[in-house]
């Protein structure tokens, strides 16, 4: 039953469980601020097509908000959507994550590049990780006080902590690789 929707549909349904009605644009912003750290944040067009599908299937409710002659459609998860999301969480087998890492791919082919180019690639990635850690730390700080047991933001806080440790670990790996390149010449 729950396998007929793409994972992105369930991700968007999940983002609608935090108690507010969102426009497609607002849902895209929420996806960028959350999913973008550990899952692929969908494109704007994908958000709208998924919302249309979810509405057609009765998994989200839509209401039109008219202000200043303009209509904006807002969405919230329906009871059926919540039921379907819970079934997906309980019944869908986990897939082992696939590491799709452009830096690792380029390092794999490092024998085709100038050694300085490879160092620059790793330096650039290390700087990007530093920025990503700072961005995720800001998200984590925004959850402080709303992350106690029984609070809806407890689990997003756990994911933020996981992401921070993951990025810190990758930062350490890059440091070791740079040291190794330096030592090996």
Protein backbone atom coordinates (compact mmCIF):
# COMPACT_ATOMS: atom_id res chain seq x y z
CA UNK A 1 0.00 0.00 0.00
CA UNK A 2 2.63 2.57 1.01
CA UNK A 3 5.12 1.61 -1.70
CA UNK A 4 3.22 3.31 -4.53
CA UNK A 5 4.45 6.81 -3.63
CA UNK A 6 8.00 8.09 -4.02
CA UNK A 7 10.00 8.77 -0.87
CA UNK A 8 9.78 12.50 -1.65
CA UNK A 9 6.01 12.32 -1.14
CA UNK A 10 6.50 10.89 2.33
CA UNK A 11 9.18 13.47 3.10
CA UNK A 12 6.78 16.28 2.16
CA UNK A 13 3.94 14.69 4.12
CA UNK A 14 6.29 14.50 7.10
CA UNK A 15 7.17 18.18 6.78
CA UNK A 16 3.46 18.96 6.96
CA UNK A 17 3.07 17.20 10.33
CA UNK A 18 4.41 20.09 12.39
CA UNK A 19 0.98 21.64 12.78
CA UNK A 20 0.74 24.44 10.25
CA UNK A 21 -0.69 25.04 6.81
CA UNK A 22 1.93 25.85 4.21
CA UNK A 23 1.95 27.09 0.66
CA UNK A 24 4.01 25.13 -1.84
CA UNK A 25 6.67 27.85 -1.61
CA UNK A 26 6.76 27.65 2.20
CA UNK A 27 6.99 23.86 2.03
CA UNK A 28 9.93 24.18 -0.39
CA UNK A 29 11.64 26.57 2.05
CA UNK A 30 11.10 24.12 4.91
CA UNK A 31 12.48 21.29 2.75
CA UNK A 32 15.57 23.35 1.94
CA UNK A 33 16.16 24.16 5.62
CA UNK A 34 15.70 20.57 6.77
CA UNK A 35 15.88 17.89 4.09
CA UNK A 36 18.80 19.57 2.37
CA UNK A 37 21.14 18.45 5.15
CA UNK A 38 20.50 14.71 4.80
CA UNK A 39 18.18 14.06 1.86
CA UNK A 40 17.71 15.66 -1.53
CA UNK A 41 15.52 18.72 -1.16
CA UNK A 42 13.02 18.58 -4.03
CA UNK A 43 12.91 21.20 -6.75
CA UNK A 44 10.09 23.75 -6.63
CA UNK A 45 8.33 22.07 -9.57
CA UNK A 46 8.57 18.71 -7.79
CA UNK A 47 7.03 20.16 -4.63
CA UNK A 48 4.02 21.42 -6.60
CA UNK A 49 3.60 18.18 -8.57
CA UNK A 50 3.84 16.09 -5.38
CA UNK A 51 1.35 18.36 -3.58
CA UNK A 52 -1.03 17.98 -6.52
CA UNK A 53 -0.69 14.18 -6.38
CA UNK A 54 -1.07 14.10 -2.57
CA UNK A 55 -4.18 16.30 -2.80
CA UNK A 56 -5.68 14.13 -5.55
CA UNK A 57 -5.10 11.05 -3.34
CA UNK A 58 -6.70 12.75 -0.32
CA UNK A 59 -3.44 12.74 1.66
CA UNK A 60 -3.34 16.53 2.04
CA UNK A 61 -6.12 19.06 2.37
CA UNK A 62 -5.92 22.31 0.44
CA UNK A 63 -7.54 25.65 1.14
CA UNK A 64 -7.44 28.83 -0.88
CA UNK A 65 -6.45 32.01 0.93
CA UNK A 66 -7.61 35.16 -0.88
CA UNK A 67 -5.77 38.35 0.00
CA UNK A 68 -5.62 41.51 -2.07
CA UNK A 69 -7.26 39.82 -5.06
CA UNK A 70 -4.67 37.06 -5.11
CA UNK A 71 -5.34 33.45 -4.24
CA UNK A 72 -2.78 31.35 -2.45
CA UNK A 73 -3.27 27.64 -1.90
CA UNK A 74 -2.27 26.31 1.52
CA UNK A 75 -1.81 22.65 2.38
CA UNK A 76 -1.92 20.54 5.49
CA UNK A 77 -1.70 16.82 6.01
CA UNK A 78 -5.08 15.05 6.17
CA UNK A 79 -6.03 12.27 8.56
CA UNK A 80 -5.60 9.79 5.69
CA UNK A 81 -2.19 11.31 4.90
CA UNK A 82 -1.09 10.92 8.51
CA UNK A 83 -2.32 7.30 8.47
CA UNK A 84 -0.45 6.59 5.23
CA UNK A 85 2.72 8.25 6.53
CA UNK A 86 2.62 6.19 9.72
CA UNK A 87 2.14 3.00 7.66
CA UNK A 88 5.15 3.93 5.52
CA UNK A 89 7.26 4.57 8.63
CA UNK A 90 6.26 1.23 10.15
CA UNK A 91 6.18 -1.03 7.10
CA UNK A 92 8.64 0.20 4.49
CA UNK A 93 11.93 -1.73 4.64
CA UNK A 94 15.00 0.45 5.07
CA UNK A 95 17.35 0.74 2.17
CA UNK A 96 21.04 0.99 2.94
CA UNK A 97 22.18 4.54 2.11
CA UNK A 98 24.07 4.99 -1.13
CA UNK A 99 27.07 7.26 -0.90
CA UNK A 100 26.79 9.52 -3.92
CA UNK A 101 29.72 11.77 -3.24
CA UNK A 102 31.18 13.96 -6.01
CA UNK A 103 34.36 14.66 -4.03
CA UNK A 104 35.01 10.95 -3.46
CA UNK A 105 34.42 10.29 -7.17
CA UNK A 106 36.93 12.99 -8.15
CA UNK A 107 39.44 11.69 -5.62
CA UNK A 108 39.02 8.20 -7.08
CA UNK A 109 40.13 9.66 -10.42
CA UNK A 110 42.88 11.75 -8.84
CA UNK A 111 45.57 10.03 -10.91
CA UNK A 112 44.24 11.99 -13.90
CA UNK A 113 44.57 15.38 -12.19
CA UNK A 114 47.46 17.50 -11.09
CA UNK A 115 48.24 16.81 -7.37
CA UNK A 116 47.73 20.51 -6.59
CA UNK A 117 44.29 20.34 -8.21
CA UNK A 118 43.41 17.40 -5.95
CA UNK A 119 44.59 19.31 -2.86
CA UNK A 120 42.52 22.31 -3.95
CA UNK A 121 39.48 20.07 -4.37
CA UNK A 122 39.87 18.73 -0.83
CA UNK A 123 40.52 22.23 0.57
CA UNK A 124 37.39 23.52 -1.12
CA UNK A 125 35.36 20.64 0.28
CA UNK A 126 36.77 21.24 3.78
CA UNK A 127 35.68 24.89 3.58
CA UNK A 128 32.24 23.86 2.34
CA UNK A 129 31.94 21.43 5.26
CA UNK A 130 32.85 24.22 7.68
CA UNK A 131 30.05 26.39 6.25
CA UNK A 132 27.60 23.48 6.27
CA UNK A 133 28.41 22.74 9.91
CA UNK A 134 27.76 26.39 10.79
CA UNK A 135 24.44 26.35 8.90
CA UNK A 136 23.31 23.15 10.61
CA UNK A 137 24.46 24.45 13.99
CA UNK A 138 22.14 27.44 13.48
CA UNK A 139 19.27 25.05 12.75
CA UNK A 140 20.14 23.05 15.85
CA UNK A 141 20.21 26.19 18.00
CA UNK A 142 16.77 27.16 16.69
CA UNK A 143 15.45 23.87 18.11
CA UNK A 144 16.82 24.43 21.63
CA UNK A 145 14.06 24.48 24.19
CA UNK A 146 11.71 22.73 21.77
CA UNK A 147 13.60 19.43 21.80
CA UNK A 148 12.53 17.85 25.09
CA UNK A 149 10.82 14.46 25.27
CA UNK A 150 7.24 14.69 24.08
CA UNK A 151 7.90 17.77 21.93
CA UNK A 152 7.44 17.50 18.14
CA UNK A 153 10.89 18.98 17.50
CA UNK A 154 12.72 16.36 19.58
CA UNK A 155 13.39 14.16 16.58
CA UNK A 156 14.45 16.94 14.19
CA UNK A 157 16.92 17.96 16.92
CA UNK A 158 18.28 14.40 16.99
CA UNK A 159 18.69 14.47 13.20
CA UNK A 160 20.50 17.82 13.48
CA UNK A 161 22.85 16.33 16.09
CA UNK A 162 23.44 13.33 13.84
CA UNK A 163 24.18 15.63 10.90
CA UNK A 164 26.61 17.71 12.96
CA UNK A 165 28.54 14.60 13.98
CA UNK A 166 28.45 13.27 10.42
CA UNK A 167 29.84 16.51 8.95
CA UNK A 168 32.45 16.76 11.71
CA UNK A 169 33.53 13.20 10.92
CA UNK A 170 33.80 13.97 7.22
CA UNK A 171 35.78 17.11 8.07
CA UNK A 172 38.23 14.89 10.01
CA UNK A 173 38.47 12.49 7.05
CA UNK A 174 39.31 15.36 4.69
CA UNK A 175 41.97 16.63 7.11
CA UNK A 176 43.55 13.15 7.17
CA UNK A 177 43.46 12.88 3.38
CA UNK A 178 45.11 16.29 3.02
CA UNK A 179 47.82 15.27 5.50
CA UNK A 180 48.34 12.02 3.61
CA UNK A 181 48.67 13.86 0.28
CA UNK A 182 51.18 16.20 1.88
CA UNK A 183 53.25 13.39 3.39
CA UNK A 184 53.18 11.23 0.28
CA UNK A 185 53.98 14.18 -2.01
